[in-house]
C-alpha atoms as a PDB file:
ATOM      1  CA  MET A   1     112.844  -4.660-161.576  1.00  0.00           C
ATOM      2  CA  ALA A   2     111.335  -1.766-159.657  1.00  0.00           C
ATOM      3  CA  LYS A   3     112.919  -0.621-156.428  1.00  0.00           C
ATOM      4  CA  GLY A   4     111.384  -2.324-153.398  1.00  0.00           C
ATOM      5  CA  GLU A   5     109.664  -4.998-155.482  1.00  0.00           C
ATOM      6  CA  PRO A   6     109.250  -8.221-153.447  1.00  0.00           C
ATOM      7  CA  ILE A   7     111.792 -10.424-155.239  1.00  0.00           C
ATOM      8  CA  TRP A   8     112.474 -12.915-152.442  1.00  0.00           C
ATOM      9  CA  SER A   9     108.981 -12.909-150.971  1.00  0.00           C
ATOM     10  CA  ARG A  10     107.454 -13.669-154.367  1.00  0.00           C
ATOM     11  CA  ALA A  11     109.894 -16.521-154.974  1.00  0.00           C
ATOM     12  CA  PHE A  12     109.149 -18.014-151.562  1.00  0.00           C
ATOM     13  CA  ALA A  13     105.376 -17.692-152.029  1.00  0.00           C
ATOM     14  CA  GLN A  14     105.740 -19.489-155.381  1.00  0.00           C
ATOM     15  CA  LYS A  15     107.742 -22.224-153.638  1.00  0.00           C
ATOM     16  CA  ILE A  16     104.928 -22.641-151.107  1.00  0.00           C
ATOM     17  CA  GLY A  17     102.440 -22.737-153.976  1.00  0.00           C
ATOM     18  CA  THR A  18     104.469 -25.457-155.699  1.00  0.00           C
ATOM     19  CA  VAL A  19     104.591 -27.556-152.524  1.00  0.00           C
ATOM     20  CA  LEU A  20     100.802 -27.297-152.308  1.00  0.00           C
ATOM     21  CA  GLY A  21     100.147 -28.185-155.951  1.00  0.00           C
ATOM     22  CA  PHE A  22     100.320 -24.833-157.756  1.00  0.00           C
ATOM     23  CA  PRO A  23     103.573 -24.846-159.762  1.00  0.00           C
ATOM     24  CA  ALA A  24     105.473 -21.612-160.401  1.00  0.00           C
ATOM     25  CA  GLY A  25     104.600 -20.029-163.724  1.00  0.00           C
ATOM     26  CA  SER A  26     101.053 -21.377-163.657  1.00  0.00           C
ATOM     27  CA  GLU A  27      99.441 -17.941-163.341  1.00  0.00           C
ATOM     28  CA  GLY A  28      96.235 -17.887-165.297  1.00  0.00           C
ATOM     29  CA  THR A  29      95.896 -21.676-165.214  1.00  0.00           C
ATOM     30  CA  ILE A  30      95.205 -21.971-161.480  1.00  0.00           C
ATOM     31  CA  PRO A  31      92.053 -20.821-159.675  1.00  0.00           C
ATOM     32  CA  ALA A  32      91.803 -17.047-159.239  1.00  0.00           C
ATOM     33  CA  GLU A  33      91.527 -17.575-155.483  1.00  0.00           C
ATOM     34  CA  ALA A  34      94.888 -19.379-155.440  1.00  0.00           C
ATOM     35  CA  GLU A  35      96.522 -16.510-157.361  1.00  0.00           C
ATOM     36  CA  ALA A  36      95.052 -14.010-154.894  1.00  0.00           C
ATOM     37  CA  LEU A  37      96.244 -16.067-151.910  1.00  0.00           C
ATOM     38  CA  LEU A  38      99.766 -16.260-153.349  1.00  0.00           C
ATOM     39  CA  ARG A  39      99.799 -12.468-153.848  1.00  0.00           C
ATOM     40  CA  GLU A  40      98.665 -11.985-150.234  1.00  0.00           C
ATOM     41  CA  LEU A  41     101.354 -14.410-149.044  1.00  0.00           C
ATOM     42  CA  THR A  42     103.955 -12.439-150.973  1.00  0.00           C
ATOM     43  CA  GLU A  43     102.947  -9.190-149.301  1.00  0.00           C
ATOM     44  CA  ASP A  44     102.766 -10.628-145.778  1.00  0.00           C
ATOM     45  CA  LEU A  45     106.139 -12.346-146.115  1.00  0.00           C
ATOM     46  CA  ARG A  46     107.775  -8.949-146.600  1.00  0.00           C
ATOM     47  CA  TYR A  47     106.963  -8.115-142.960  1.00  0.00           C
ATOM     48  CA  LEU A  48     108.325 -11.310-141.399  1.00  0.00           C
ATOM     49  CA  ARG A  49     111.842 -12.304-140.393  1.00  0.00           C
ATOM     50  CA  PHE A  50     113.542 -15.034-142.398  1.00  0.00           C
ATOM     51  CA  ALA A  51     113.449 -17.454-139.429  1.00  0.00           C
ATOM     52  CA  GLN A  52     109.647 -17.356-139.563  1.00  0.00           C
ATOM     53  CA  TRP A  53     109.747 -18.288-143.239  1.00  0.00           C
ATOM     54  CA  ARG A  54     111.092 -21.690-142.166  1.00  0.00           C
ATOM     55  CA  TRP A  55     108.060 -22.181-139.911  1.00  0.00           C
ATOM     56  CA  ILE A  56     105.839 -21.468-142.904  1.00  0.00           C
ATOM     57  CA  GLU A  57     107.771 -23.874-145.119  1.00  0.00           C
ATOM     58  CA  HIS A  58     107.493 -26.633-142.497  1.00  0.00           C
ATOM     59  CA  LEU A  59     103.726 -26.163-142.311  1.00  0.00           C
ATOM     60  CA  ALA A  60     103.371 -26.147-146.114  1.00  0.00           C
ATOM     61  CA  ARG A  61     105.437 -29.327-146.450  1.00  0.00           C
ATOM     62  CA  PHE A  62     103.407 -31.008-143.703  1.00  0.00           C
ATOM     63  CA  LEU A  63     100.144 -30.038-145.383  1.00  0.00           C
ATOM     64  CA  GLY A  64     101.493 -30.928-148.835  1.00  0.00           C
ATOM     65  CA  GLU A  65     102.168 -34.485-147.717  1.00  0.00           C
ATOM     66  CA  ARG A  66      98.526 -35.024-146.765  1.00  0.00           C
ATOM     67  CA  GLU A  67      96.252 -36.807-149.199  1.00  0.00           C
ATOM     68  CA  ALA A  68      95.176 -34.532-152.046  1.00  0.00           C
ATOM     69  CA  ALA A  69      91.603 -33.339-152.226  1.00  0.00           C
ATOM     70  CA  PRO A  70      90.167 -31.426-155.189  1.00  0.00           C
ATOM     71  CA  PRO A  71      90.880 -28.670-156.020  1.00  0.00           C
ATOM     72  CA  PRO A  72      94.575 -29.464-155.491  1.00  0.00           C
ATOM     73  CA  GLY A  73      95.826 -27.753-152.403  1.00  0.00           C
ATOM     74  CA  LEU A  74      93.396 -24.813-152.316  1.00  0.00           C
ATOM     75  CA  GLU A  75      92.213 -25.544-148.774  1.00  0.00           C
ATOM     76  CA  ARG A  76      95.801 -26.111-147.668  1.00  0.00           C
ATOM     77  CA  LEU A  77      96.857 -22.857-149.321  1.00  0.00           C
ATOM     78  CA  ARG A  78      94.124 -21.093-147.326  1.00  0.00           C
ATOM     79  CA  GLU A  79      95.506 -22.669-144.133  1.00  0.00           C
ATOM     80  CA  VAL A  80      99.042 -21.481-144.908  1.00  0.00           C
ATOM     81  CA  ARG A  81      97.732 -18.005-145.784  1.00  0.00           C
ATOM     82  CA  SER A  82      95.881 -17.868-142.473  1.00  0.00           C
ATOM     83  CA  TYR A  83      99.035 -18.925-140.595  1.00  0.00           C
ATOM     84  CA  VAL A  84     101.144 -16.290-142.362  1.00  0.00           C
ATOM     85  CA  ALA A  85      98.571 -13.590-141.523  1.00  0.00           C
ATOM     86  CA  PHE A  86      98.675 -14.762-137.893  1.00  0.00           C
ATOM     87  CA  LEU A  87     102.493 -14.572-137.842  1.00  0.00           C
ATOM     88  CA  ARG A  88     102.474 -11.119-139.407  1.00  0.00           C
ATOM     89  CA  ASN A  89      99.952  -9.912-136.834  1.00  0.00           C
ATOM     90  CA  LEU A  90     101.960 -11.377-133.958  1.00  0.00           C
ATOM     91  CA  TYR A  91     105.587 -10.890-135.085  1.00  0.00           C
ATOM     92  CA  GLY A  92     105.479  -8.658-138.161  1.00  0.00           C
ATOM     93  CA  ASN A  93     107.698  -5.636-138.581  1.00  0.00           C
ATOM     94  CA  GLU A  94     106.064  -2.241-139.031  1.00  0.00           C
ATOM     95  CA  GLN A  95     107.897  -1.636-142.316  1.00  0.00           C
ATOM     96  CA  PRO A  96     108.315  -4.195-145.098  1.00  0.00           C
ATOM     97  CA  ALA A  97     111.781  -5.467-145.907  1.00  0.00           C
ATOM     98  CA  ASP A  98     113.484  -3.732-148.818  1.00  0.00           C
ATOM     99  CA  GLU A  99     113.983  -6.600-151.247  1.00  0.00           C
ATOM    100  CA  SER A 100     115.544  -4.603-154.029  1.00  0.00           C
ATOM    101  CA  ASP A 101     118.822  -5.801-155.439  1.00  0.00           C
ATOM    102  CA  GLU A 102     120.142  -2.240-155.678  1.00  0.00           C
ATOM    103  CA  TRP A 103     123.361  -1.472-153.821  1.00  0.00           C
ATOM    104  CA  SER A 104     123.187   1.647-151.698  1.00  0.00           C
ATOM    105  CA  ASP A 105     126.202   3.841-150.903  1.00  0.00           C
ATOM    106  CA  GLU A 106     126.150   2.329-147.413  1.00  0.00           C
ATOM    107  CA  ASP A 107     126.264  -1.202-148.885  1.00  0.00           C
ATOM    108  CA  ARG A 108     129.265  -0.288-151.035  1.00  0.00           C
ATOM    109  CA  ARG A 109     131.050   1.308-148.089  1.00  0.00           C
ATOM    110  CA  ASP A 110     130.385  -1.739-145.884  1.00  0.00           C
ATOM    111  CA  ILE A 111     131.750  -4.195-148.463  1.00  0.00           C
ATOM    112  CA  GLN A 112     134.860  -2.074-149.000  1.00  0.00           C
ATOM    113  CA  LEU A 113     135.518  -1.902-145.245  1.00  0.00           C
ATOM    114  CA  ALA A 114     135.019  -5.654-144.900  1.00  0.00           C
ATOM    115  CA  ALA A 115     137.454  -6.302-147.764  1.00  0.00           C
ATOM    116  CA  ARG A 116     140.073  -4.002-146.195  1.00  0.00           C
ATOM    117  CA  ARG A 117     139.705  -5.698-142.803  1.00  0.00           C
ATOM    118  CA  ARG A 118     140.126  -9.106-144.422  1.00  0.00           C
ATOM    119  CA  LEU A 119     143.283  -7.968-146.222  1.00  0.00           C
ATOM    120  CA  GLU A 120     144.709  -6.736-142.905  1.00  0.00           C
ATOM    121  CA  GLU A 121     143.988 -10.082-141.247  1.00  0.00           C
ATOM    122  CA  GLU A 122     144.797 -12.497-144.063  1.00  0.00           C
ATOM    123  CA  ASP A 123     147.329 -12.334-146.884  1.00  0.00           C
ATOM    124  CA  PRO A 124     145.566 -13.339-150.119  1.00  0.00           C
ATOM    125  CA  TYR A 125     148.896 -14.392-151.705  1.00  0.00           C
ATOM    126  CA  PRO A 126     150.992 -16.087-148.994  1.00  0.00           C
ATOM    127  CA  TRP A 127     154.508 -17.265-149.753  1.00  0.00           C
ATOM    128  CA  PRO A 128     154.769 -21.088-149.862  1.00  0.00           C
ATOM    129  CA  GLU A 129     157.804 -21.184-147.573  1.00  0.00           C
ATOM    130  CA  GLU A 130     156.024 -19.509-144.673  1.00  0.00           C
ATOM    131  CA  PRO A 131     155.110 -21.933-141.856  1.00  0.00           C
ATOM    132  CA  GLY A 132     151.615 -23.288-142.336  1.00  0.00           C
ATOM    133  CA  ASN A 133     151.599 -22.524-146.056  1.00  0.00           C
ATOM    134  CA  ALA A 134     153.542 -25.545-147.271  1.00  0.00           C
ATOM    135  CA  ARG A 135     151.400 -27.889-149.305  1.00  0.00           C
ATOM    136  CA  ALA A 136     151.288 -31.529-148.429  1.00  0.00           C
ATOM    137  CA  GLY A 137     152.803 -33.394-151.344  1.00  0.00           C
END
């Protein structure tokens, strides 16, 4: 996977597509417009905070529960795409989120510091006879 590739945004856009009648893995079997809309959703999601993703999911679920009209969900997918573009315009970050699963030196340092702090606060191997460590039998 290339650095900065939209792993989470793509997965969420596919989830929205599934809710609206375009199952994940159906590339090439769905209308070209739906594929394009899902790609646009993926890109716009990279600029939004996770809390706003829930708003998008709520809208998609609401629209997905409406009576189906052919083609399945295309109009609803356009509505969700329009909403996501609106959210990006109103609340979007200037830079996209880095969705890579690569660990930076800063990430490694942060996890090591957190582990050390936890060890200072909590003994991972407490003695059973210490108060509060006795097991109820």
